[in-house]
Amino acid sequence: MITLQHFLILSAILFSMGIFGVLTRRNAVAILLSLELIFNAVNINFIAFSKYIVPQLLTGQIFAMFVITIAAAEVVVGLSIVLLIYRHHQSVDVENIN
């Protein structure tokens, strides 16, 4: 039986991997992918808490849909900024960006 603790452990692992990626990567695209890992960890928490605390309501799933929408907008804006930086500097290394 999968319990709430299993979901929380999975979410903590994903969140930790995302934080590690944001703090250690130099490539802007890799940083954006690490942010997506963080958003997915948050979504797992929302859905797991919704399922185990108030299963009759869909609040966790609704919040997860909002997070997915915000993440999609963040990816569009982030990748367009990365594309402009690449055109200007010929690199997406964040250490070269001032």
C-alpha atoms as a PDB file:
ATOM      1  CA  MET A   1       0.000   0.000   0.000  1.00  0.00           C
ATOM      2  CA  ILE A   2       1.349   3.386  -0.980  1.00  0.00           C
ATOM      3  CA  THR A   3       0.986   5.875   1.850  1.00  0.00           C
ATOM      4  CA  LEU A   4       1.350   9.624   2.143  1.00  0.00           C
ATOM      5  CA  GLN A   5       4.893   9.120   3.401  1.00  0.00           C
ATOM      6  CA  HIS A   6       5.917   7.502   0.107  1.00  0.00           C
ATOM      7  CA  PHE A   7       4.661  10.495  -1.850  1.00  0.00           C
ATOM      8  CA  LEU A   8       6.415  12.903   0.501  1.00  0.00           C
ATOM      9  CA  ILE A   9       9.709  11.033   0.152  1.00  0.00           C
ATOM     10  CA  LEU A  10       9.423  11.076  -3.638  1.00  0.00           C
ATOM     11  CA  SER A  11       8.605  14.770  -3.559  1.00  0.00           C
ATOM     12  CA  ALA A  12      11.540  15.527  -1.256  1.00  0.00           C
ATOM     13  CA  ILE A  13      13.918  13.652  -3.561  1.00  0.00           C
ATOM     14  CA  LEU A  14      12.647  15.535  -6.623  1.00  0.00           C
ATOM     15  CA  PHE A  15      12.793  18.856  -4.793  1.00  0.00           C
ATOM     16  CA  SER A  16      16.350  18.176  -3.609  1.00  0.00           C
ATOM     17  CA  MET A  17      17.442  17.237  -7.129  1.00  0.00           C
ATOM     18  CA  GLY A  18      15.894  20.443  -8.440  1.00  0.00           C
ATOM     19  CA  ILE A  19      17.595  22.628  -5.822  1.00  0.00           C
ATOM     20  CA  PHE A  20      20.903  20.892  -6.491  1.00  0.00           C
ATOM     21  CA  GLY A  21      20.494  21.510 -10.216  1.00  0.00           C
ATOM     22  CA  VAL A  22      19.637  25.187  -9.772  1.00  0.00           C
ATOM     23  CA  LEU A  23      22.612  25.779  -7.500  1.00  0.00           C
ATOM     24  CA  THR A  24      25.233  23.825  -9.463  1.00  0.00           C
ATOM     25  CA  ARG A  25      24.391  24.214 -13.153  1.00  0.00           C
ATOM     26  CA  ARG A  26      25.901  26.890 -15.358  1.00  0.00           C
ATOM     27  CA  ASN A  27      23.712  26.304 -18.393  1.00  0.00           C
ATOM     28  CA  ALA A  28      20.516  28.381 -18.363  1.00  0.00           C
ATOM     29  CA  VAL A  29      18.463  25.610 -19.986  1.00  0.00           C
ATOM     30  CA  ALA A  30      19.581  23.118 -17.309  1.00  0.00           C
ATOM     31  CA  ILE A  31      18.553  25.616 -14.638  1.00  0.00           C
ATOM     32  CA  LEU A  32      15.091  25.887 -16.220  1.00  0.00           C
ATOM     33  CA  LEU A  33      14.799  22.091 -16.226  1.00  0.00           C
ATOM     34  CA  SER A  34      15.775  22.012 -12.558  1.00  0.00           C
ATOM     35  CA  LEU A  35      13.030  24.533 -11.821  1.00  0.00           C
ATOM     36  CA  GLU A  36      10.575  22.200 -13.533  1.00  0.00           C
ATOM     37  CA  LEU A  37      11.665  19.429 -11.159  1.00  0.00           C
ATOM     38  CA  ILE A  38      10.893  21.717  -8.233  1.00  0.00           C
ATOM     39  CA  PHE A  39       7.458  22.528  -9.649  1.00  0.00           C
ATOM     40  CA  ASN A  40       6.709  18.824 -10.147  1.00  0.00           C
ATOM     41  CA  ALA A  41       7.699  18.091  -6.547  1.00  0.00           C
ATOM     42  CA  VAL A  42       5.246  20.738  -5.386  1.00  0.00           C
ATOM     43  CA  ASN A  43       2.534  19.222  -7.601  1.00  0.00           C
ATOM     44  CA  ILE A  44       3.084  15.786  -6.065  1.00  0.00           C
ATOM     45  CA  ASN A  45       2.682  17.322  -2.602  1.00  0.00           C
ATOM     46  CA  PHE A  46      -0.527  19.120  -3.563  1.00  0.00           C
ATOM     47  CA  ILE A  47      -2.104  16.004  -5.034  1.00  0.00           C
ATOM     48  CA  ALA A  48      -0.933  13.653  -2.265  1.00  0.00           C
ATOM     49  CA  PHE A  49      -2.185  15.890   0.531  1.00  0.00           C
ATOM     50  CA  SER A  50      -5.455  16.364  -1.292  1.00  0.00           C
ATOM     51  CA  LYS A  51      -5.893  12.611  -1.701  1.00  0.00           C
ATOM     52  CA  TYR A  52      -5.084  11.676   1.891  1.00  0.00           C
ATOM     53  CA  ILE A  53      -6.524  14.616   3.841  1.00  0.00           C
ATOM     54  CA  VAL A  54      -9.671  15.605   1.935  1.00  0.00           C
ATOM     55  CA  PRO A  55     -10.294  12.952  -0.750  1.00  0.00           C
ATOM     56  CA  GLN A  56     -13.774  14.239  -1.571  1.00  0.00           C
ATOM     57  CA  LEU A  57     -12.430  17.626  -2.705  1.00  0.00           C
ATOM     58  CA  LEU A  58     -10.254  18.287  -5.745  1.00  0.00           C
ATOM     59  CA  THR A  59      -8.350  21.257  -4.341  1.00  0.00           C
ATOM     60  CA  GLY A  60      -4.918  19.652  -4.718  1.00  0.00           C
ATOM     61  CA  GLN A  61      -5.563  18.746  -8.327  1.00  0.00           C
ATOM     62  CA  ILE A  62      -6.815  22.257  -9.076  1.00  0.00           C
ATOM     63  CA  PHE A  63      -3.740  23.836  -7.495  1.00  0.00           C
ATOM     64  CA  ALA A  64      -1.549  21.427  -9.477  1.00  0.00           C
ATOM     65  CA  MET A  65      -3.227  22.565 -12.704  1.00  0.00           C
ATOM     66  CA  PHE A  66      -2.492  26.185 -11.792  1.00  0.00           C
ATOM     67  CA  VAL A  67       1.154  25.311 -11.100  1.00  0.00           C
ATOM     68  CA  ILE A  68       1.409  23.510 -14.457  1.00  0.00           C
ATOM     69  CA  THR A  69      -0.044  26.573 -16.190  1.00  0.00           C
ATOM     70  CA  ILE A  70       2.378  28.915 -14.441  1.00  0.00           C
ATOM     71  CA  ALA A  71       5.278  26.548 -15.225  1.00  0.00           C
ATOM     72  CA  ALA A  72       4.351  26.539 -18.914  1.00  0.00           C
ATOM     73  CA  ALA A  73       4.336  30.337 -18.965  1.00  0.00           C
ATOM     74  CA  GLU A  74       7.667  30.368 -17.122  1.00  0.00           C
ATOM     75  CA  VAL A  75       9.185  28.037 -19.701  1.00  0.00           C
ATOM     76  CA  VAL A  76       8.009  30.214 -22.582  1.00  0.00           C
ATOM     77  CA  VAL A  77       9.402  33.399 -21.037  1.00  0.00           C
ATOM     78  CA  GLY A  78      12.588  31.687 -19.816  1.00  0.00           C
ATOM     79  CA  LEU A  79      13.401  30.063 -23.141  1.00  0.00           C
ATOM     80  CA  SER A  80      12.768  33.299 -25.021  1.00  0.00           C
ATOM     81  CA  ILE A  81      15.189  35.089 -22.681  1.00  0.00           C
ATOM     82  CA  VAL A  82      17.728  32.278 -23.142  1.00  0.00           C
ATOM     83  CA  LEU A  83      17.349  32.582 -26.920  1.00  0.00           C
ATOM     84  CA  LEU A  84      17.996  36.329 -26.781  1.00  0.00           C
ATOM     85  CA  ILE A  85      21.016  35.798 -24.538  1.00  0.00           C
ATOM     86  CA  TYR A  86      22.377  33.185 -26.937  1.00  0.00           C
ATOM     87  CA  ARG A  87      21.953  35.550 -29.891  1.00  0.00           C
ATOM     88  CA  HIS A  88      23.824  38.289 -28.066  1.00  0.00           C
ATOM     89  CA  HIS A  89      26.594  36.319 -26.281  1.00  0.00           C
ATOM     90  CA  GLN A  90      26.778  33.104 -28.403  1.00  0.00           C
ATOM     91  CA  SER A  91      26.559  31.149 -25.139  1.00  0.00           C
ATOM     92  CA  VAL A  92      23.940  30.262 -22.537  1.00  0.00           C
ATOM     93  CA  ASP A  93      26.452  29.977 -19.714  1.00  0.00           C
ATOM     94  CA  VAL A  94      25.027  32.051 -16.846  1.00  0.00           C
ATOM     95  CA  GLU A  95      28.491  33.053 -15.636  1.00  0.00           C
ATOM     96  CA  ASN A  96      29.025  35.027 -18.863  1.00  0.00           C
ATOM     97  CA  ILE A  97      25.804  37.001 -18.431  1.00  0.00           C
ATOM     98  CA  ASN A  98      26.053  40.340 -16.685  1.00  0.00           C
END
